[in-house]
Amino acid sequence: MVILRVKRLRYAALAGLFAALISYPAAAVECWQGWGYWVDSQTRAYKSQELLLVTDGPADWAAGKTVTLRVLDRATGRIDESKAPIAAVPLEPRAYYRGNANYVDGIADVEGAMDRLVFGLSQITPPVPTLPEMEAYTAWACGLGRE
């Protein structure tokens, strides 16, 4: 009887170890993160303080395509759920390259607003190789980090 219990415990421990080894990693996080200012559409005079902005995932920065931006809370670095998403339509975005498109800036019309948005965002990509610490940083940079 005791031998059967010991064998069951060994099998349970092996099964747990095997499950941990083959478990799938968390979904990779990717976004664009940076800054923005509300500006007057006619004069381009600044009408706000700096906004910290992030996309919900990858973005297509082609002129005329809508990109949804979320405002980050300065105190926590997390997406501020009390602020409505900003539907920005870049007019003539400028992309900068260092082997890949990793920075974009420009001015955008905003759906439902009279003002425009001046913006500059850097691409945050999943880490390679995948390490838990780097995944946690990437999630934090995309406004999804722990409180």
N, C-alpha and C. Protein backbone atom coordinates (compact mmCIF):
# COMPACT_ATOMS: atom_id res chain seq x y z
N MET A 1 0.81 -1.19 0.00
CA MET A 1 0.00 0.00 0.00
C MET A 1 0.85 1.26 0.00
N VAL A 2 1.90 1.28 0.86
CA VAL A 2 2.80 2.41 0.94
C VAL A 2 3.57 2.57 -0.37
N ILE A 3 3.96 1.47 -0.97
CA ILE A 3 4.70 1.50 -2.24
C ILE A 3 3.83 2.12 -3.33
N LEU A 4 2.55 1.77 -3.37
CA LEU A 4 1.66 2.34 -4.38
C LEU A 4 1.53 3.86 -4.21
N ARG A 5 1.42 4.33 -2.96
CA ARG A 5 1.32 5.77 -2.72
C ARG A 5 2.59 6.51 -3.17
N VAL A 6 3.74 5.95 -2.90
CA VAL A 6 5.01 6.56 -3.30
C VAL A 6 5.10 6.62 -4.82
N LYS A 7 4.70 5.53 -5.49
CA LYS A 7 4.74 5.50 -6.95
C LYS A 7 3.78 6.54 -7.54
N ARG A 8 2.58 6.65 -6.93
CA ARG A 8 1.63 7.66 -7.40
C ARG A 8 2.18 9.07 -7.25
N LEU A 9 2.81 9.35 -6.13
CA LEU A 9 3.40 10.66 -5.91
C LEU A 9 4.51 10.94 -6.92
N ARG A 10 5.33 9.92 -7.21
CA ARG A 10 6.40 10.10 -8.21
C ARG A 10 5.80 10.38 -9.58
N TYR A 11 4.78 9.61 -9.95
CA TYR A 11 4.14 9.84 -11.25
C TYR A 11 3.48 11.21 -11.32
N ALA A 12 2.87 11.63 -10.23
CA ALA A 12 2.23 12.95 -10.20
C ALA A 12 3.30 14.05 -10.33
N ALA A 13 4.43 13.87 -9.65
CA ALA A 13 5.50 14.86 -9.75
C ALA A 13 6.07 14.90 -11.17
N LEU A 14 6.25 13.74 -11.78
CA LEU A 14 6.75 13.69 -13.15
C LEU A 14 5.75 14.31 -14.13
N ALA A 15 4.49 14.04 -13.91
CA ALA A 15 3.46 14.62 -14.79
C ALA A 15 3.45 16.15 -14.67
N GLY A 16 3.59 16.65 -13.45
CA GLY A 16 3.64 18.10 -13.25
C GLY A 16 4.86 18.72 -13.90
N LEU A 17 6.01 18.08 -13.77
CA LEU A 17 7.22 18.57 -14.40
C LEU A 17 7.09 18.56 -15.91
N PHE A 18 6.55 17.48 -16.46
CA PHE A 18 6.36 17.38 -17.91
C PHE A 18 5.41 18.46 -18.41
N ALA A 19 4.33 18.70 -17.68
CA ALA A 19 3.37 19.74 -18.08
C ALA A 19 4.04 21.12 -18.06
N ALA A 20 4.89 21.36 -17.08
CA ALA A 20 5.59 22.65 -17.02
C ALA A 20 6.56 22.82 -18.18
N LEU A 21 7.20 21.74 -18.58
CA LEU A 21 8.17 21.82 -19.67
C LEU A 21 7.51 22.06 -21.03
N ILE A 22 6.31 21.54 -21.24
CA ILE A 22 5.68 21.70 -22.54
C ILE A 22 4.63 22.80 -22.57
N SER A 23 4.49 23.54 -21.47
CA SER A 23 3.47 24.60 -21.45
C SER A 23 3.83 25.67 -22.47
N TYR A 24 2.80 26.28 -23.02
CA TYR A 24 3.01 27.29 -24.04
C TYR A 24 3.31 28.63 -23.39
N PRO A 25 4.24 29.41 -23.98
CA PRO A 25 4.53 30.72 -23.42
C PRO A 25 3.36 31.67 -23.61
N ALA A 26 3.35 32.75 -22.83
CA ALA A 26 2.30 33.77 -22.96
C ALA A 26 2.39 34.40 -24.34
N ALA A 27 1.27 34.92 -24.82
CA ALA A 27 1.24 35.56 -26.13
C ALA A 27 2.22 36.73 -26.16
N ALA A 28 2.95 36.85 -27.24
CA ALA A 28 3.91 37.93 -27.40
C ALA A 28 3.18 39.26 -27.50
N VAL A 29 3.74 40.28 -26.89
CA VAL A 29 3.14 41.61 -26.89
C VAL A 29 3.90 42.48 -27.88
N GLU A 30 3.17 43.23 -28.68
CA GLU A 30 3.76 44.18 -29.62
C GLU A 30 2.89 45.42 -29.65
N CYS A 31 3.52 46.58 -29.71
CA CYS A 31 2.77 47.83 -29.76
C CYS A 31 3.68 48.95 -30.26
N TRP A 32 3.12 50.13 -30.36
CA TRP A 32 3.86 51.37 -30.60
C TRP A 32 3.59 52.25 -29.40
N GLN A 33 4.64 52.85 -28.83
CA GLN A 33 4.48 53.65 -27.62
C GLN A 33 5.24 54.96 -27.78
N GLY A 34 4.66 56.06 -27.31
CA GLY A 34 5.34 57.34 -27.41
C GLY A 34 4.53 58.49 -26.86
N TRP A 35 4.55 59.61 -27.56
CA TRP A 35 3.98 60.85 -27.07
C TRP A 35 3.06 61.47 -28.11
N GLY A 36 2.26 62.43 -27.64
CA GLY A 36 1.39 63.18 -28.54
C GLY A 36 0.93 64.46 -27.88
N TYR A 37 0.51 65.43 -28.71
CA TYR A 37 -0.04 66.69 -28.24
C TYR A 37 -1.25 67.03 -29.10
N TRP A 38 -2.29 67.56 -28.48
CA TRP A 38 -3.40 68.13 -29.23
C TRP A 38 -2.94 69.47 -29.77
N VAL A 39 -3.21 69.73 -31.05
CA VAL A 39 -2.86 71.02 -31.65
C VAL A 39 -4.06 71.55 -32.42
N ASP A 40 -4.12 72.88 -32.54
CA ASP A 40 -5.17 73.52 -33.31
C ASP A 40 -5.01 73.14 -34.78
N SER A 41 -6.09 72.77 -35.42
CA SER A 41 -6.00 72.30 -36.80
C SER A 41 -5.62 73.40 -37.79
N GLN A 42 -5.89 74.66 -37.45
CA GLN A 42 -5.55 75.77 -38.35
C GLN A 42 -4.15 76.33 -38.08
N THR A 43 -3.86 76.62 -36.82
CA THR A 43 -2.61 77.29 -36.48
C THR A 43 -1.52 76.33 -36.02
N ARG A 44 -1.89 75.12 -35.67
CA ARG A 44 -1.01 74.10 -35.09
C ARG A 44 -0.43 74.53 -33.74
N ALA A 45 -1.10 75.44 -33.08
CA ALA A 45 -0.70 75.84 -31.73
C ALA A 45 -1.03 74.69 -30.77
N TYR A 46 -0.14 74.45 -29.82
CA TYR A 46 -0.35 73.38 -28.86
C TYR A 46 -1.53 73.69 -27.96
N LYS A 47 -2.38 72.70 -27.71
CA LYS A 47 -3.57 72.89 -26.90
C LYS A 47 -3.62 71.93 -25.71
N SER A 48 -2.55 71.17 -25.51
CA SER A 48 -2.55 70.23 -24.39
C SER A 48 -1.14 70.04 -23.88
N GLN A 49 -1.06 69.40 -22.71
CA GLN A 49 0.22 68.92 -22.23
C GLN A 49 0.53 67.62 -22.97
N GLU A 50 1.74 67.13 -22.78
CA GLU A 50 2.14 65.89 -23.44
C GLU A 50 1.26 64.72 -23.01
N LEU A 51 0.83 63.93 -23.98
CA LEU A 51 0.10 62.70 -23.71
C LEU A 51 1.05 61.53 -23.92
N LEU A 52 0.98 60.54 -23.07
CA LEU A 52 1.71 59.30 -23.30
C LEU A 52 0.75 58.37 -24.02
N LEU A 53 1.16 57.86 -25.18
CA LEU A 53 0.27 57.09 -26.04
C LEU A 53 0.82 55.70 -26.33
N VAL A 54 -0.10 54.78 -26.62
CA VAL A 54 0.27 53.42 -26.97
C VAL A 54 -0.81 52.86 -27.89
N THR A 55 -0.42 51.97 -28.79
CA THR A 55 -1.40 51.25 -29.61
C THR A 55 -1.76 49.95 -28.91
N ASP A 56 -2.87 49.34 -29.31
CA ASP A 56 -3.28 48.05 -28.73
C ASP A 56 -2.51 46.88 -29.32
N GLY A 57 -1.72 47.12 -30.34
CA GLY A 57 -0.97 46.06 -31.01
C GLY A 57 -0.23 46.65 -32.19
N PRO A 58 0.09 45.82 -33.17
CA PRO A 58 0.77 46.34 -34.37
C PRO A 58 -0.11 47.38 -35.06
N ALA A 59 0.51 48.30 -35.80
CA ALA A 59 -0.23 49.35 -36.47
C ALA A 59 0.28 49.54 -37.90
N ASP A 60 -0.63 49.89 -38.79
CA ASP A 60 -0.29 50.24 -40.17
C ASP A 60 -0.28 51.76 -40.25
N TRP A 61 0.90 52.35 -40.43
CA TRP A 61 1.06 53.79 -40.39
C TRP A 61 0.91 54.45 -41.76
N ALA A 62 0.25 53.81 -42.70
CA ALA A 62 0.03 54.41 -44.01
C ALA A 62 -0.87 55.64 -43.87
N ALA A 63 -0.59 56.66 -44.69
CA ALA A 63 -1.42 57.86 -44.68
C ALA A 63 -2.86 57.50 -44.96
N GLY A 64 -3.77 58.07 -44.18
CA GLY A 64 -5.20 57.84 -44.38
C GLY A 64 -5.76 56.62 -43.67
N LYS A 65 -4.92 55.78 -43.09
CA LYS A 65 -5.41 54.60 -42.36
C LYS A 65 -5.58 54.96 -40.88
N THR A 66 -6.68 54.52 -40.30
CA THR A 66 -6.95 54.81 -38.90
C THR A 66 -6.10 53.94 -37.98
N VAL A 67 -5.49 54.58 -36.99
CA VAL A 67 -4.72 53.89 -35.95
C VAL A 67 -5.34 54.27 -34.62
N THR A 68 -5.68 53.28 -33.82
CA THR A 68 -6.28 53.54 -32.51
C THR A 68 -5.17 53.69 -31.47
N LEU A 69 -5.19 54.84 -30.79
CA LEU A 69 -4.20 55.13 -29.76
C LEU A 69 -4.90 55.18 -28.40
N ARG A 70 -4.21 54.68 -27.39
CA ARG A 70 -4.72 54.72 -26.03
C ARG A 70 -3.81 55.62 -25.20
N VAL A 71 -4.38 56.33 -24.24
CA VAL A 71 -3.62 57.21 -23.35
C VAL A 71 -3.14 56.40 -22.16
N LEU A 72 -1.86 56.57 -21.82
CA LEU A 72 -1.29 55.91 -20.65
C LEU A 72 -1.39 56.83 -19.43
N ASP A 73 -1.64 56.25 -18.29
CA ASP A 73 -1.65 56.98 -17.03
C ASP A 73 -0.21 57.23 -16.61
N ARG A 74 0.14 58.47 -16.34
CA ARG A 74 1.53 58.81 -15.99
C ARG A 74 1.98 58.15 -14.68
N ALA A 75 1.10 58.02 -13.73
CA ALA A 75 1.48 57.48 -12.42
C ALA A 75 1.76 55.98 -12.46
N THR A 76 0.99 55.24 -13.25
CA THR A 76 1.12 53.78 -13.24
C THR A 76 1.78 53.22 -14.50
N GLY A 77 1.75 53.98 -15.60
CA GLY A 77 2.26 53.46 -16.86
C GLY A 77 1.31 52.51 -17.55
N ARG A 78 0.12 52.37 -17.01
CA ARG A 78 -0.88 51.47 -17.58
C ARG A 78 -1.86 52.27 -18.44
N ILE A 79 -2.57 51.56 -19.31
CA ILE A 79 -3.60 52.20 -20.13
C ILE A 79 -4.64 52.82 -19.21
N ASP A 80 -4.95 54.09 -19.46
CA ASP A 80 -5.94 54.82 -18.65
C ASP A 80 -7.33 54.51 -19.21
N GLU A 81 -8.04 53.62 -18.54
CA GLU A 81 -9.36 53.18 -19.00
C GLU A 81 -10.41 54.30 -18.92
N SER A 82 -10.11 55.37 -18.16
CA SER A 82 -11.08 56.46 -18.05
C SER A 82 -11.02 57.39 -19.28
N LYS A 83 -10.01 57.25 -20.10
CA LYS A 83 -9.87 58.07 -21.31
C LYS A 83 -10.31 57.26 -22.53
N ALA A 84 -11.08 57.90 -23.38
CA ALA A 84 -11.55 57.23 -24.61
C ALA A 84 -10.38 57.00 -25.56
N PRO A 85 -10.41 55.90 -26.32
CA PRO A 85 -9.38 55.69 -27.34
C PRO A 85 -9.41 56.83 -28.37
N ILE A 86 -8.26 57.12 -28.95
CA ILE A 86 -8.14 58.17 -29.96
C ILE A 86 -7.99 57.50 -31.32
N ALA A 87 -8.94 57.78 -32.23
CA ALA A 87 -8.89 57.23 -33.59
C ALA A 87 -8.15 58.23 -34.47
N ALA A 88 -6.83 58.04 -34.60
CA ALA A 88 -5.98 58.97 -35.35
C ALA A 88 -5.83 58.50 -36.80
N VAL A 89 -5.90 59.47 -37.72
CA VAL A 89 -5.71 59.19 -39.15
C VAL A 89 -4.50 60.01 -39.60
N PRO A 90 -3.31 59.37 -39.64
CA PRO A 90 -2.10 60.11 -40.01
C PRO A 90 -2.21 60.73 -41.40
N LEU A 91 -1.74 62.00 -41.53
CA LEU A 91 -1.80 62.69 -42.82
C LEU A 91 -0.61 62.32 -43.69
N GLU A 92 0.60 62.55 -43.21
CA GLU A 92 1.83 62.20 -43.92
C GLU A 92 2.85 61.70 -42.91
N PRO A 93 2.67 60.50 -42.39
CA PRO A 93 3.59 60.01 -41.35
C PRO A 93 4.99 59.79 -41.90
N ARG A 94 5.97 60.09 -41.06
CA ARG A 94 7.37 59.84 -41.43
C ARG A 94 7.86 58.65 -40.61
N ALA A 95 8.33 57.63 -41.30
CA ALA A 95 8.86 56.44 -40.64
C ALA A 95 10.38 56.48 -40.73
N TYR A 96 11.02 56.12 -39.66
CA TYR A 96 12.48 56.06 -39.61
C TYR A 96 12.91 54.61 -39.53
N TYR A 97 14.01 54.30 -40.15
CA TYR A 97 14.44 52.92 -40.27
C TYR A 97 15.85 52.73 -39.73
N ARG A 98 16.02 51.65 -39.01
CA ARG A 98 17.33 51.13 -38.61
C ARG A 98 17.23 49.63 -38.77
N GLY A 99 17.15 49.19 -40.00
CA GLY A 99 16.97 47.77 -40.27
C GLY A 99 15.49 47.41 -40.36
N ASN A 100 14.65 48.17 -39.69
CA ASN A 100 13.20 47.99 -39.78
C ASN A 100 12.55 49.31 -39.38
N ALA A 101 11.28 49.43 -39.64
CA ALA A 101 10.56 50.66 -39.27
C ALA A 101 10.35 50.65 -37.77
N ASN A 102 11.14 51.43 -37.04
CA ASN A 102 11.03 51.38 -35.58
C ASN A 102 10.61 52.69 -34.94
N TYR A 103 10.35 53.73 -35.74
CA TYR A 103 9.89 55.00 -35.19
C TYR A 103 9.05 55.70 -36.25
N VAL A 104 7.96 56.34 -35.81
CA VAL A 104 7.11 57.08 -36.73
C VAL A 104 6.66 58.36 -36.03
N ASP A 105 6.56 59.45 -36.81
CA ASP A 105 6.00 60.67 -36.25
C ASP A 105 5.22 61.40 -37.33
N GLY A 106 4.45 62.38 -36.92
CA GLY A 106 3.66 63.14 -37.88
C GLY A 106 2.52 63.87 -37.21
N ILE A 107 1.57 64.24 -38.03
CA ILE A 107 0.36 64.92 -37.56
C ILE A 107 -0.83 64.12 -38.08
N ALA A 108 -1.89 64.06 -37.29
CA ALA A 108 -3.04 63.24 -37.65
C ALA A 108 -4.34 63.97 -37.40
N ASP A 109 -5.30 63.73 -38.29
CA ASP A 109 -6.68 64.10 -38.00
C ASP A 109 -7.18 63.10 -36.98
N VAL A 110 -8.14 63.52 -36.17
CA VAL A 110 -8.72 62.63 -35.17
C VAL A 110 -10.21 62.56 -35.42
N GLU A 111 -10.71 61.34 -35.59
CA GLU A 111 -12.13 61.15 -35.86
C GLU A 111 -12.95 61.73 -34.71
N GLY A 112 -13.91 62.60 -35.06
CA GLY A 112 -14.79 63.20 -34.06
C GLY A 112 -14.21 64.40 -33.33
N ALA A 113 -13.06 64.91 -33.78
CA ALA A 113 -12.45 66.06 -33.10
C ALA A 113 -12.13 67.16 -34.11
N MET A 114 -12.21 68.41 -33.66
CA MET A 114 -11.86 69.55 -34.50
C MET A 114 -10.34 69.74 -34.55
N ASP A 115 -9.65 69.33 -33.49
CA ASP A 115 -8.20 69.51 -33.40
C ASP A 115 -7.47 68.33 -34.03
N ARG A 116 -6.17 68.49 -34.17
CA ARG A 116 -5.32 67.43 -34.69
C ARG A 116 -4.39 66.95 -33.59
N LEU A 117 -3.67 65.87 -33.89
CA LEU A 117 -2.74 65.28 -32.93
C LEU A 117 -1.36 65.22 -33.57
N VAL A 118 -0.37 65.80 -32.90
CA VAL A 118 1.03 65.63 -33.29
C VAL A 118 1.54 64.45 -32.47
N PHE A 119 2.27 63.53 -33.10
CA PHE A 119 2.66 62.31 -32.40
C PHE A 119 4.06 61.84 -32.81
N GLY A 120 4.64 61.04 -31.96
CA GLY A 120 5.89 60.34 -32.22
C GLY A 120 5.89 59.07 -31.41
N LEU A 121 6.03 57.92 -32.08
CA LEU A 121 5.95 56.63 -31.38
C LEU A 121 7.07 55.69 -31.84
N SER A 122 7.56 54.90 -30.90
CA SER A 122 8.57 53.88 -31.17
C SER A 122 7.92 52.50 -31.13
N GLN A 123 8.44 51.61 -31.94
CA GLN A 123 7.89 50.25 -31.97
C GLN A 123 8.47 49.43 -30.83
N ILE A 124 7.59 48.75 -30.11
CA ILE A 124 7.97 47.82 -29.05
C ILE A 124 7.66 46.43 -29.60
N THR A 125 8.69 45.62 -29.77
CA THR A 125 8.50 44.29 -30.37
C THR A 125 8.76 43.19 -29.35
N PRO A 126 8.22 42.00 -29.60
CA PRO A 126 8.48 40.88 -28.69
C PRO A 126 9.97 40.58 -28.63
N PRO A 127 10.48 40.25 -27.44
CA PRO A 127 11.91 39.98 -27.29
C PRO A 127 12.32 38.66 -27.95
N VAL A 128 13.52 38.66 -28.48
CA VAL A 128 14.11 37.43 -29.03
C VAL A 128 15.51 37.34 -28.45
N PRO A 129 15.89 36.33 -27.72
CA PRO A 129 15.07 35.19 -27.34
C PRO A 129 14.04 35.59 -26.29
N THR A 130 13.02 34.77 -26.14
CA THR A 130 11.95 35.06 -25.19
C THR A 130 12.44 34.75 -23.77
N LEU A 131 12.48 35.77 -22.95
CA LEU A 131 12.85 35.64 -21.54
C LEU A 131 11.74 36.27 -20.70
N PRO A 132 11.37 35.66 -19.59
CA PRO A 132 10.27 36.19 -18.78
C PRO A 132 10.46 37.66 -18.39
N GLU A 133 11.70 38.05 -18.04
CA GLU A 133 11.95 39.43 -17.63
C GLU A 133 11.71 40.39 -18.80
N MET A 134 12.13 39.98 -20.00
CA MET A 134 11.96 40.84 -21.17
C MET A 134 10.49 40.89 -21.59
N GLU A 135 9.78 39.77 -21.46
CA GLU A 135 8.35 39.77 -21.76
C GLU A 135 7.61 40.70 -20.80
N ALA A 136 8.00 40.69 -19.54
CA ALA A 136 7.37 41.57 -18.54
C ALA A 136 7.64 43.03 -18.89
N TYR A 137 8.88 43.34 -19.33
CA TYR A 137 9.19 44.71 -19.73
C TYR A 137 8.36 45.13 -20.94
N THR A 138 8.26 44.26 -21.93
CA THR A 138 7.50 44.57 -23.14
C THR A 138 6.04 44.81 -22.79
N ALA A 139 5.48 43.98 -21.93
CA ALA A 139 4.09 44.18 -21.51
C ALA A 139 3.94 45.52 -20.79
N TRP A 140 4.91 45.86 -19.91
CA TRP A 140 4.87 47.14 -19.21
C TRP A 140 4.95 48.29 -20.21
N ALA A 141 5.85 48.22 -21.19
CA ALA A 141 6.03 49.29 -22.17
C ALA A 141 4.76 49.49 -23.01
N CYS A 142 3.97 48.44 -23.16
CA CYS A 142 2.73 48.53 -23.93
C CYS A 142 1.52 48.87 -23.04
N GLY A 143 1.78 49.27 -21.79
CA GLY A 143 0.71 49.70 -20.91
C GLY A 143 -0.05 48.57 -20.25
N LEU A 144 0.51 47.36 -20.30
CA LEU A 144 -0.18 46.19 -19.75
C LEU A 144 0.50 45.63 -18.52
N GLY A 145 1.51 46.33 -18.00
CA GLY A 145 2.30 45.82 -16.88
C GLY A 145 1.53 45.71 -15.58
N ARG A 146 2.20 45.13 -14.61
CA ARG A 146 1.59 44.97 -13.29
C ARG A 146 1.49 46.30 -12.58
N GLU A 147 0.51 46.38 -11.69
CA GLU A 147 0.34 47.63 -10.92
C GLU A 147 1.37 47.71 -9.83
